[in-house]
Amino acid sequence: MKIGTIPGDGGAWLLPRIVGWSKACKMALTGDAVSAQEALACGLVS
């Protein structure tokens, strides 16, 4: 089940700065899950 919400508490501001604009848009608009390997590759986790 997907809920149409937008990132809050600064997530909409911070996410593009971490992963880049196009990746942030894809993550926010599609709601697709991100694997651990993909999160590591784009700098979302360390």
C-alpha atoms as a PDB file:
ATOM      1  CA  MET A   1       0.000   0.000   0.000  1.00  0.00           C
ATOM      2  CA  LYS A   2       1.377   3.392  -0.961  1.00  0.00           C
ATOM      3  CA  ILE A   3       0.297   6.655   0.629  1.00  0.00           C
ATOM      4  CA  GLY A   4       0.649   9.870  -1.390  1.00  0.00           C
ATOM      5  CA  THR A   5       2.622  12.022   1.014  1.00  0.00           C
ATOM      6  CA  ILE A   6       5.602  14.294   0.560  1.00  0.00           C
ATOM      7  CA  PRO A   7       8.809  14.213   2.609  1.00  0.00           C
ATOM      8  CA  GLY A   8       8.531  16.344   5.724  1.00  0.00           C
ATOM      9  CA  ASP A   9      10.805  17.762   8.411  1.00  0.00           C
ATOM     10  CA  GLY A  10      13.382  18.959   5.890  1.00  0.00           C
ATOM     11  CA  GLY A  11      13.430  15.764   3.821  1.00  0.00           C
ATOM     12  CA  ALA A  12      12.284  17.605   0.692  1.00  0.00           C
ATOM     13  CA  TRP A  13      15.174  20.035   1.155  1.00  0.00           C
ATOM     14  CA  LEU A  14      17.874  17.576   2.237  1.00  0.00           C
ATOM     15  CA  LEU A  15      17.252  14.555   0.007  1.00  0.00           C
ATOM     16  CA  PRO A  16      18.190  16.242  -3.325  1.00  0.00           C
ATOM     17  CA  ARG A  17      21.392  17.525  -1.745  1.00  0.00           C
ATOM     18  CA  ILE A  18      22.376  14.003  -0.709  1.00  0.00           C
ATOM     19  CA  VAL A  19      21.304  11.861  -3.670  1.00  0.00           C
ATOM     20  CA  GLY A  20      20.859  14.406  -6.474  1.00  0.00           C
ATOM     21  CA  TRP A  21      17.740  16.005  -7.938  1.00  0.00           C
ATOM     22  CA  SER A  22      16.642  13.246 -10.334  1.00  0.00           C
ATOM     23  CA  LYS A  23      17.118  10.427  -7.802  1.00  0.00           C
ATOM     24  CA  ALA A  24      15.283  12.428  -5.114  1.00  0.00           C
ATOM     25  CA  CYS A  25      12.366  13.070  -7.485  1.00  0.00           C
ATOM     26  CA  LYS A  26      12.169   9.394  -8.393  1.00  0.00           C
ATOM     27  CA  MET A  27      12.223   8.368  -4.731  1.00  0.00           C
ATOM     28  CA  ALA A  28       9.610  10.934  -3.682  1.00  0.00           C
ATOM     29  CA  LEU A  29       7.240  10.471  -6.613  1.00  0.00           C
ATOM     30  CA  THR A  30       7.287   6.703  -7.089  1.00  0.00           C
ATOM     31  CA  GLY A  31       7.570   5.488  -3.513  1.00  0.00           C
ATOM     32  CA  ASP A  32       9.601   2.500  -4.685  1.00  0.00           C
ATOM     33  CA  ALA A  33      11.718   0.772  -2.061  1.00  0.00           C
ATOM     34  CA  VAL A  34      15.472   1.410  -2.142  1.00  0.00           C
ATOM     35  CA  SER A  35      17.776  -1.533  -1.520  1.00  0.00           C
ATOM     36  CA  ALA A  36      20.642  -1.242   0.931  1.00  0.00           C
ATOM     37  CA  GLN A  37      23.160  -1.478  -1.904  1.00  0.00           C
ATOM     38  CA  GLU A  38      21.417   1.287  -3.873  1.00  0.00           C
ATOM     39  CA  ALA A  39      21.204   3.512  -0.763  1.00  0.00           C
ATOM     40  CA  LEU A  40      24.921   3.025  -0.149  1.00  0.00           C
ATOM     41  CA  ALA A  41      25.796   3.732  -3.791  1.00  0.00           C
ATOM     42  CA  CYS A  42      23.910   7.045  -3.884  1.00  0.00           C
ATOM     43  CA  GLY A  43      25.215   8.246  -0.494  1.00  0.00           C
ATOM     44  CA  LEU A  44      21.961   7.919   1.424  1.00  0.00           C
ATOM     45  CA  VAL A  45      23.638   5.724   4.066  1.00  0.00           C
ATOM     46  CA  SER A  46      27.242   5.238   5.134  1.00  0.00           C
END
